[in-house]
Amino acid sequence: MRPLGAALLIYISAVGSAWAQAGPSPYGQVQCNKSVNYDAATVGATELVPAIAGTIVYVCNYIIDSAGGAQTAGLVYGNGTNCATGTTLMTPNWTLASNQTILDNVTDAVLQTGVGNALCISANGAVKARVSYLQR
């Protein structure tokens, strides 16, 4: 009989990243209670959720749309104005074709910032986004 760890590893290998999306939140039962919308043509990072000392921003779901033109966009966190200090990628910087959408729609937290960091969106042009989060 195979140990449970080996069987789980085989299962994860077989299902790949689809398992990560369908599985439970790595942060436990963190239900988001707020959301923020973004619709701008800013180049660089723009703050979505301001930092509060001692808190973490948990992201439950997000949608990022290229708003009619090819763009690059993703979520980051950091300190200072528009996450300029200690900028850390939370998602890849996706290259989106015209009118392409990236969607992660789960109910529990799938991403988190570091303690005391702001949540930002980083883009190279016009994008629209909606992010659901909990800050605690």
Protein backbone atom coordinates (compact mmCIF):
# COMPACT_ATOMS: atom_id res chain seq x y z
CA MET A 1 0.00 0.00 0.00
CA ARG A 2 1.31 3.41 -0.98
CA PRO A 3 1.67 6.11 1.73
CA LEU A 4 -0.93 8.87 1.56
CA GLY A 5 1.72 11.50 0.70
CA ALA A 6 2.77 9.60 -2.43
CA ALA A 7 -0.83 9.13 -3.54
CA LEU A 8 -1.53 12.83 -3.03
CA LEU A 9 1.57 13.77 -5.02
CA ILE A 10 0.42 11.58 -7.89
CA TYR A 11 -3.04 13.18 -7.72
CA ILE A 12 -1.60 16.70 -7.78
CA SER A 13 0.69 15.81 -10.67
CA ALA A 14 -2.21 14.38 -12.64
CA VAL A 15 -4.51 17.35 -12.17
CA GLY A 16 -1.92 20.13 -12.31
CA SER A 17 -2.96 23.72 -11.81
CA ALA A 18 -6.68 22.97 -12.13
CA TRP A 19 -6.47 21.38 -8.68
CA ALA A 20 -5.06 24.59 -7.20
CA GLN A 21 -8.04 26.58 -8.47
CA ALA A 22 -10.64 24.06 -7.34
CA GLY A 23 -9.05 23.19 -4.00
CA PRO A 24 -9.54 24.92 -0.67
CA SER A 25 -7.93 28.26 0.08
CA PRO A 26 -4.33 28.02 1.28
CA TYR A 27 -5.25 30.70 3.86
CA GLY A 28 -8.17 28.85 5.44
CA GLN A 29 -11.72 30.11 5.40
CA VAL A 30 -11.05 33.73 4.45
CA GLN A 31 -14.21 35.24 2.99
CA CYS A 32 -13.83 38.61 1.30
CA ASN A 33 -16.16 41.43 2.30
CA LYS A 34 -15.04 44.34 0.09
CA SER A 35 -14.26 45.00 -3.54
CA VAL A 36 -12.53 47.69 -5.52
CA ASN A 37 -12.94 48.69 -9.17
CA TYR A 38 -10.21 50.05 -11.41
CA ASP A 39 -10.65 51.66 -14.83
CA ALA A 40 -7.70 53.73 -15.99
CA ALA A 41 -4.88 54.04 -18.49
CA THR A 42 -2.04 54.38 -15.99
CA VAL A 43 1.42 53.05 -16.76
CA GLY A 44 3.01 51.38 -13.74
CA ALA A 45 1.48 50.40 -10.42
CA THR A 46 -1.66 52.02 -8.97
CA GLU A 47 -2.82 51.46 -5.39
CA LEU A 48 -6.14 49.62 -5.04
CA VAL A 49 -6.14 48.97 -1.29
CA PRO A 50 -4.03 51.17 1.01
CA ALA A 51 -1.65 49.62 3.51
CA ILE A 52 -2.66 49.51 7.17
CA ALA A 53 0.06 48.67 9.68
CA GLY A 54 -0.16 45.09 10.95
CA THR A 55 -2.80 43.94 8.44
CA ILE A 56 -2.78 41.62 5.43
CA VAL A 57 -4.88 42.07 2.28
CA TYR A 58 -6.40 38.74 1.21
CA VAL A 59 -7.62 38.55 -2.40
CA CYS A 60 -10.51 36.19 -3.10
CA ASN A 61 -11.21 36.85 -6.75
CA TYR A 62 -10.34 39.25 -9.51
CA ILE A 63 -11.09 40.06 -13.09
CA ILE A 64 -8.72 42.05 -15.28
CA ASP A 65 -9.76 43.16 -18.78
CA SER A 66 -7.57 44.72 -21.46
CA ALA A 67 -10.22 47.37 -22.20
CA GLY A 68 -10.01 47.27 -25.97
CA GLY A 69 -6.28 47.16 -26.64
CA ALA A 70 -3.36 44.81 -26.07
CA GLN A 71 -1.99 45.43 -22.55
CA THR A 72 0.14 43.89 -19.83
CA ALA A 73 -1.34 43.78 -16.31
CA GLY A 74 -1.14 41.96 -12.99
CA LEU A 75 -1.51 42.35 -9.22
CA VAL A 76 1.38 43.38 -6.98
CA TYR A 77 1.89 44.48 -3.39
CA GLY A 78 4.37 46.76 -1.68
CA ASN A 79 4.86 49.88 0.42
CA GLY A 80 5.02 53.57 -0.35
CA THR A 81 3.17 55.46 -3.05
CA ASN A 82 1.63 52.97 -5.50
CA CYS A 83 3.60 50.03 -4.05
CA ALA A 84 6.89 51.59 -5.21
CA THR A 85 8.97 50.09 -2.38
CA GLY A 86 9.37 46.33 -2.05
CA THR A 87 7.14 45.64 -5.05
CA THR A 88 6.26 41.93 -5.15
CA LEU A 89 4.31 40.09 -7.85
CA MET A 90 1.12 38.38 -6.68
CA THR A 91 0.11 37.23 -10.17
CA PRO A 92 2.03 37.05 -13.41
CA ASN A 93 2.12 40.19 -15.53
CA TRP A 94 -0.22 38.82 -18.16
CA THR A 95 -0.01 39.99 -21.75
CA LEU A 96 -3.63 40.47 -22.75
CA ALA A 97 -4.83 40.70 -26.33
CA SER A 98 -7.45 43.30 -27.20
CA ASN A 99 -10.61 42.64 -25.11
CA GLN A 100 -9.05 39.65 -23.35
CA THR A 101 -10.00 38.95 -19.73
CA ILE A 102 -8.16 37.17 -16.91
CA LEU A 103 -10.54 35.81 -14.29
CA ASP A 104 -10.03 34.05 -10.97
CA ASN A 105 -13.45 33.55 -9.42
CA VAL A 106 -13.32 31.62 -6.15
CA THR A 107 -14.99 32.42 -2.83
CA ASP A 108 -12.04 32.02 -0.43
CA ALA A 109 -8.75 33.90 -0.51
CA VAL A 110 -6.28 32.75 -3.15
CA LEU A 111 -3.63 35.47 -2.71
CA GLN A 112 -2.32 37.60 0.13
CA THR A 113 -0.03 40.58 0.57
CA GLY A 114 2.76 40.78 3.10
CA VAL A 115 1.91 42.30 6.50
CA GLY A 116 1.41 46.07 6.31
CA ASN A 117 1.54 46.23 2.50
CA ALA A 118 -0.81 47.87 -0.01
CA LEU A 119 -2.45 46.01 -2.89
CA CYS A 120 -1.82 47.49 -6.34
CA ILE A 121 -2.49 46.77 -9.99
CA SER A 122 0.41 47.10 -12.38
CA ALA A 123 -0.36 47.84 -16.04
CA ASN A 124 1.20 49.34 -19.13
CA GLY A 125 -1.97 51.06 -20.35
CA ALA A 126 -5.77 51.01 -20.26
CA VAL A 127 -7.22 48.15 -18.22
CA LYS A 128 -10.35 47.54 -16.18
CA ALA A 129 -10.34 45.42 -13.06
CA ARG A 130 -12.45 44.36 -10.09
CA VAL A 131 -10.83 42.79 -7.04
CA SER A 132 -12.63 41.31 -4.03
CA TYR A 133 -10.63 41.37 -0.79
CA LEU A 134 -10.52 41.24 2.99
CA GLN A 135 -8.09 43.35 4.97
CA ARG A 136 -7.34 42.19 8.51
